[in-house]
Amino acid sequence: MLSLLSLGIISTVPVDKAAHFGVSYAINHSCYVLAEEVVKIDKHVALLGCAITTTAIGAARELAGNKDRKDMLANGYGIVLSSTFIVIDW
């Protein structure tokens, strides 16, 4: 039942918005892993720096392109979910 519900929700999200969400999630999480594990930056500083960097990348992309506010919202959701998983250490 849950998978059927999930499929119903996912099918209502436009592919473009899902792509913005996924790419922002991946950039934010990758940045964090690089900053904390490789460069050895403090967890909270790395988290904040990567969230700001990912937001700036998404904003620059939108300003250079079609300037869709819903794309920025999808970017934000990806950053928030990634940051949440990092904070709860999932």
N, C-alpha and C. Protein backbone atom coordinates (compact mmCIF):
# COMPACT_ATOMS: atom_id res chain seq x y z
N MET A 1 0.82 -1.20 0.00
CA MET A 1 0.00 0.00 0.00
C MET A 1 0.86 1.26 0.00
N LEU A 2 1.90 1.25 0.84
CA LEU A 2 2.76 2.42 0.94
C LEU A 2 3.45 2.71 -0.39
N SER A 3 3.91 1.65 -1.07
CA SER A 3 4.59 1.87 -2.34
C SER A 3 3.63 2.42 -3.39
N LEU A 4 2.37 2.00 -3.35
CA LEU A 4 1.39 2.55 -4.29
C LEU A 4 1.15 4.03 -4.01
N LEU A 5 1.10 4.39 -2.74
CA LEU A 5 0.93 5.80 -2.37
C LEU A 5 2.14 6.61 -2.83
N SER A 6 3.34 6.07 -2.60
CA SER A 6 4.56 6.75 -3.02
C SER A 6 4.58 6.96 -4.53
N LEU A 7 4.19 5.95 -5.28
CA LEU A 7 4.16 6.09 -6.73
C LEU A 7 3.18 7.16 -7.17
N GLY A 8 2.05 7.26 -6.48
CA GLY A 8 1.07 8.29 -6.80
C GLY A 8 1.61 9.68 -6.55
N ILE A 9 2.36 9.85 -5.46
CA ILE A 9 2.95 11.16 -5.14
C ILE A 9 4.05 11.49 -6.13
N ILE A 10 4.92 10.53 -6.38
CA ILE A 10 6.05 10.77 -7.28
C ILE A 10 5.57 11.10 -8.69
N SER A 11 4.52 10.44 -9.14
CA SER A 11 4.06 10.66 -10.50
C SER A 11 3.47 12.06 -10.70
N THR A 12 3.14 12.76 -9.60
CA THR A 12 2.60 14.11 -9.73
C THR A 12 3.68 15.18 -9.76
N VAL A 13 4.93 14.81 -9.49
CA VAL A 13 6.04 15.77 -9.49
C VAL A 13 6.63 15.83 -10.89
N PRO A 14 6.73 17.03 -11.47
CA PRO A 14 7.34 17.14 -12.79
C PRO A 14 8.81 16.68 -12.76
N VAL A 15 9.24 16.08 -13.83
CA VAL A 15 10.60 15.55 -13.92
C VAL A 15 11.63 16.65 -13.66
N ASP A 16 11.40 17.84 -14.17
CA ASP A 16 12.33 18.94 -13.97
C ASP A 16 12.51 19.27 -12.49
N LYS A 17 11.41 19.29 -11.74
CA LYS A 17 11.49 19.61 -10.31
C LYS A 17 12.19 18.49 -9.54
N ALA A 18 11.91 17.25 -9.92
CA ALA A 18 12.58 16.11 -9.29
C ALA A 18 14.08 16.15 -9.56
N ALA A 19 14.45 16.57 -10.76
CA ALA A 19 15.87 16.69 -11.09
C ALA A 19 16.54 17.78 -10.26
N HIS A 20 15.88 18.91 -10.11
CA HIS A 20 16.44 19.98 -9.27
C HIS A 20 16.62 19.50 -7.83
N PHE A 21 15.61 18.81 -7.32
CA PHE A 21 15.68 18.26 -5.97
C PHE A 21 16.87 17.30 -5.84
N GLY A 22 16.96 16.35 -6.74
CA GLY A 22 18.00 15.33 -6.66
C GLY A 22 19.40 15.86 -6.83
N VAL A 23 19.57 16.78 -7.77
CA VAL A 23 20.91 17.35 -7.99
C VAL A 23 21.34 18.20 -6.80
N SER A 24 20.43 18.99 -6.24
CA SER A 24 20.77 19.80 -5.07
C SER A 24 21.10 18.91 -3.88
N TYR A 25 20.33 17.85 -3.72
CA TYR A 25 20.62 16.89 -2.64
C TYR A 25 22.02 16.32 -2.82
N ALA A 26 22.33 15.87 -4.02
CA ALA A 26 23.62 15.23 -4.29
C ALA A 26 24.79 16.21 -4.13
N ILE A 27 24.64 17.43 -4.61
CA ILE A 27 25.71 18.42 -4.48
C ILE A 27 25.95 18.74 -3.01
N ASN A 28 24.88 18.98 -2.27
CA ASN A 28 25.01 19.33 -0.86
C ASN A 28 25.66 18.20 -0.07
N HIS A 29 25.20 16.99 -0.29
CA HIS A 29 25.73 15.86 0.46
C HIS A 29 27.19 15.56 0.08
N SER A 30 27.49 15.63 -1.20
CA SER A 30 28.86 15.40 -1.65
C SER A 30 29.81 16.46 -1.10
N CYS A 31 29.37 17.70 -1.14
CA CYS A 31 30.17 18.80 -0.59
C CYS A 31 30.46 18.55 0.88
N TYR A 32 29.44 18.13 1.62
CA TYR A 32 29.61 17.88 3.05
C TYR A 32 30.61 16.76 3.31
N VAL A 33 30.47 15.66 2.60
CA VAL A 33 31.39 14.53 2.79
C VAL A 33 32.82 14.96 2.48
N LEU A 34 32.99 15.70 1.41
CA LEU A 34 34.32 16.19 1.06
C LEU A 34 34.86 17.12 2.15
N ALA A 35 34.04 18.06 2.60
CA ALA A 35 34.49 19.03 3.59
C ALA A 35 34.82 18.38 4.93
N GLU A 36 33.97 17.48 5.39
CA GLU A 36 34.20 16.91 6.72
C GLU A 36 35.21 15.76 6.70
N GLU A 37 35.08 14.86 5.75
CA GLU A 37 35.91 13.67 5.76
C GLU A 37 37.30 13.89 5.14
N VAL A 38 37.37 14.66 4.08
CA VAL A 38 38.65 14.83 3.38
C VAL A 38 39.40 16.05 3.90
N VAL A 39 38.73 17.19 3.96
CA VAL A 39 39.38 18.44 4.37
C VAL A 39 39.41 18.57 5.90
N LYS A 40 38.59 17.79 6.60
CA LYS A 40 38.53 17.76 8.07
C LYS A 40 38.01 19.07 8.67
N ILE A 41 36.98 19.63 8.06
CA ILE A 41 36.33 20.82 8.59
C ILE A 41 35.30 20.37 9.62
N ASP A 42 35.10 21.18 10.66
CA ASP A 42 34.10 20.89 11.70
C ASP A 42 32.74 20.60 11.06
N LYS A 43 31.99 19.67 11.64
CA LYS A 43 30.72 19.22 11.08
C LYS A 43 29.75 20.38 10.84
N HIS A 44 29.57 21.25 11.81
CA HIS A 44 28.60 22.33 11.68
C HIS A 44 29.03 23.38 10.67
N VAL A 45 30.31 23.67 10.64
CA VAL A 45 30.84 24.62 9.66
C VAL A 45 30.71 24.05 8.25
N ALA A 46 31.03 22.77 8.11
CA ALA A 46 30.91 22.11 6.80
C ALA A 46 29.46 22.10 6.33
N LEU A 47 28.55 21.79 7.24
CA LEU A 47 27.13 21.74 6.89
C LEU A 47 26.62 23.10 6.42
N LEU A 48 26.95 24.13 7.18
CA LEU A 48 26.51 25.48 6.81
C LEU A 48 27.16 25.94 5.50
N GLY A 49 28.46 25.73 5.38
CA GLY A 49 29.17 26.14 4.16
C GLY A 49 28.65 25.45 2.92
N CYS A 50 28.36 24.16 3.04
CA CYS A 50 27.85 23.42 1.88
C CYS A 50 26.43 23.82 1.53
N ALA A 51 25.61 24.09 2.53
CA ALA A 51 24.24 24.54 2.25
C ALA A 51 24.27 25.89 1.54
N ILE A 52 25.14 26.78 1.99
CA ILE A 52 25.26 28.09 1.34
C ILE A 52 25.79 27.93 -0.08
N THR A 53 26.80 27.10 -0.24
CA THR A 53 27.39 26.89 -1.57
C THR A 53 26.38 26.28 -2.54
N THR A 54 25.64 25.29 -2.08
CA THR A 54 24.65 24.64 -2.94
C THR A 54 23.53 25.61 -3.31
N THR A 55 23.12 26.43 -2.35
CA THR A 55 22.10 27.44 -2.63
C THR A 55 22.60 28.43 -3.67
N ALA A 56 23.85 28.85 -3.54
CA ALA A 56 24.43 29.80 -4.50
C ALA A 56 24.52 29.20 -5.90
N ILE A 57 24.89 27.93 -5.98
CA ILE A 57 24.96 27.26 -7.28
C ILE A 57 23.58 27.21 -7.93
N GLY A 58 22.57 26.82 -7.14
CA GLY A 58 21.20 26.76 -7.67
C GLY A 58 20.68 28.12 -8.09
N ALA A 59 20.97 29.14 -7.27
CA ALA A 59 20.51 30.49 -7.59
C ALA A 59 21.18 31.01 -8.86
N ALA A 60 22.48 30.76 -8.98
CA ALA A 60 23.21 31.21 -10.18
C ALA A 60 22.65 30.53 -11.43
N ARG A 61 22.34 29.26 -11.30
CA ARG A 61 21.78 28.52 -12.44
C ARG A 61 20.42 29.09 -12.85
N GLU A 62 19.62 29.42 -11.87
CA GLU A 62 18.30 29.97 -12.19
C GLU A 62 18.39 31.39 -12.74
N LEU A 63 19.28 32.19 -12.20
CA LEU A 63 19.43 33.56 -12.70
C LEU A 63 19.97 33.57 -14.14
N ALA A 64 20.79 32.58 -14.46
CA ALA A 64 21.33 32.49 -15.82
C ALA A 64 20.33 31.86 -16.79
N GLY A 65 19.33 31.18 -16.26
CA GLY A 65 18.39 30.46 -17.11
C GLY A 65 17.00 31.04 -17.10
N ASN A 66 16.04 30.19 -16.75
CA ASN A 66 14.64 30.56 -16.89
C ASN A 66 14.03 31.25 -15.67
N LYS A 67 14.75 31.37 -14.58
CA LYS A 67 14.29 32.08 -13.37
C LYS A 67 12.97 31.54 -12.83
N ASP A 68 12.88 30.22 -12.69
CA ASP A 68 11.67 29.58 -12.18
C ASP A 68 11.76 29.44 -10.66
N ARG A 69 10.85 30.08 -9.95
CA ARG A 69 10.85 30.03 -8.48
C ARG A 69 10.59 28.62 -7.97
N LYS A 70 9.81 27.85 -8.69
CA LYS A 70 9.54 26.47 -8.26
C LYS A 70 10.79 25.60 -8.36
N ASP A 71 11.67 25.91 -9.32
CA ASP A 71 12.95 25.20 -9.39
C ASP A 71 13.79 25.50 -8.15
N MET A 72 13.80 26.76 -7.73
CA MET A 72 14.55 27.14 -6.53
C MET A 72 13.96 26.47 -5.29
N LEU A 73 12.66 26.34 -5.24
CA LEU A 73 12.01 25.67 -4.13
C LEU A 73 12.41 24.20 -4.10
N ALA A 74 12.43 23.56 -5.25
CA ALA A 74 12.86 22.16 -5.32
C ALA A 74 14.32 22.03 -4.90
N ASN A 75 15.16 22.98 -5.30
CA ASN A 75 16.55 22.98 -4.86
C ASN A 75 16.62 23.06 -3.34
N GLY A 76 15.83 23.95 -2.78
CA GLY A 76 15.81 24.12 -1.33
C GLY A 76 15.38 22.86 -0.60
N TYR A 77 14.37 22.17 -1.13
CA TYR A 77 13.92 20.92 -0.51
C TYR A 77 15.04 19.88 -0.51
N GLY A 78 15.78 19.81 -1.61
CA GLY A 78 16.91 18.87 -1.68
C GLY A 78 17.98 19.19 -0.66
N ILE A 79 18.28 20.47 -0.51
CA ILE A 79 19.29 20.90 0.46
C ILE A 79 18.83 20.61 1.89
N VAL A 80 17.58 20.91 2.18
CA VAL A 80 17.04 20.69 3.52
C VAL A 80 17.03 19.20 3.86
N LEU A 81 16.60 18.36 2.94
CA LEU A 81 16.56 16.92 3.23
C LEU A 81 17.97 16.37 3.43
N SER A 82 18.89 16.76 2.58
CA SER A 82 20.27 16.32 2.72
C SER A 82 20.84 16.77 4.07
N SER A 83 20.62 18.02 4.41
CA SER A 83 21.13 18.56 5.68
C SER A 83 20.49 17.85 6.87
N THR A 84 19.22 17.54 6.76
CA THR A 84 18.53 16.83 7.85
C THR A 84 19.13 15.46 8.06
N PHE A 85 19.38 14.73 6.98
CA PHE A 85 19.99 13.41 7.11
C PHE A 85 21.39 13.51 7.71
N ILE A 86 22.12 14.55 7.37
CA ILE A 86 23.46 14.74 7.93
C ILE A 86 23.37 15.02 9.43
N VAL A 87 22.46 15.88 9.81
CA VAL A 87 22.32 16.26 11.23
C VAL A 87 21.91 15.05 12.07
N ILE A 88 20.96 14.25 11.58
CA ILE A 88 20.53 13.09 12.38
C ILE A 88 21.46 11.90 12.18
N ASP A 89 22.49 12.08 11.37
CA ASP A 89 23.53 11.07 11.15
C ASP A 89 22.95 9.77 10.60
N TRP A 90 22.08 9.89 9.62
CA TRP A 90 21.41 8.74 9.02
C TRP A 90 22.25 8.11 7.99
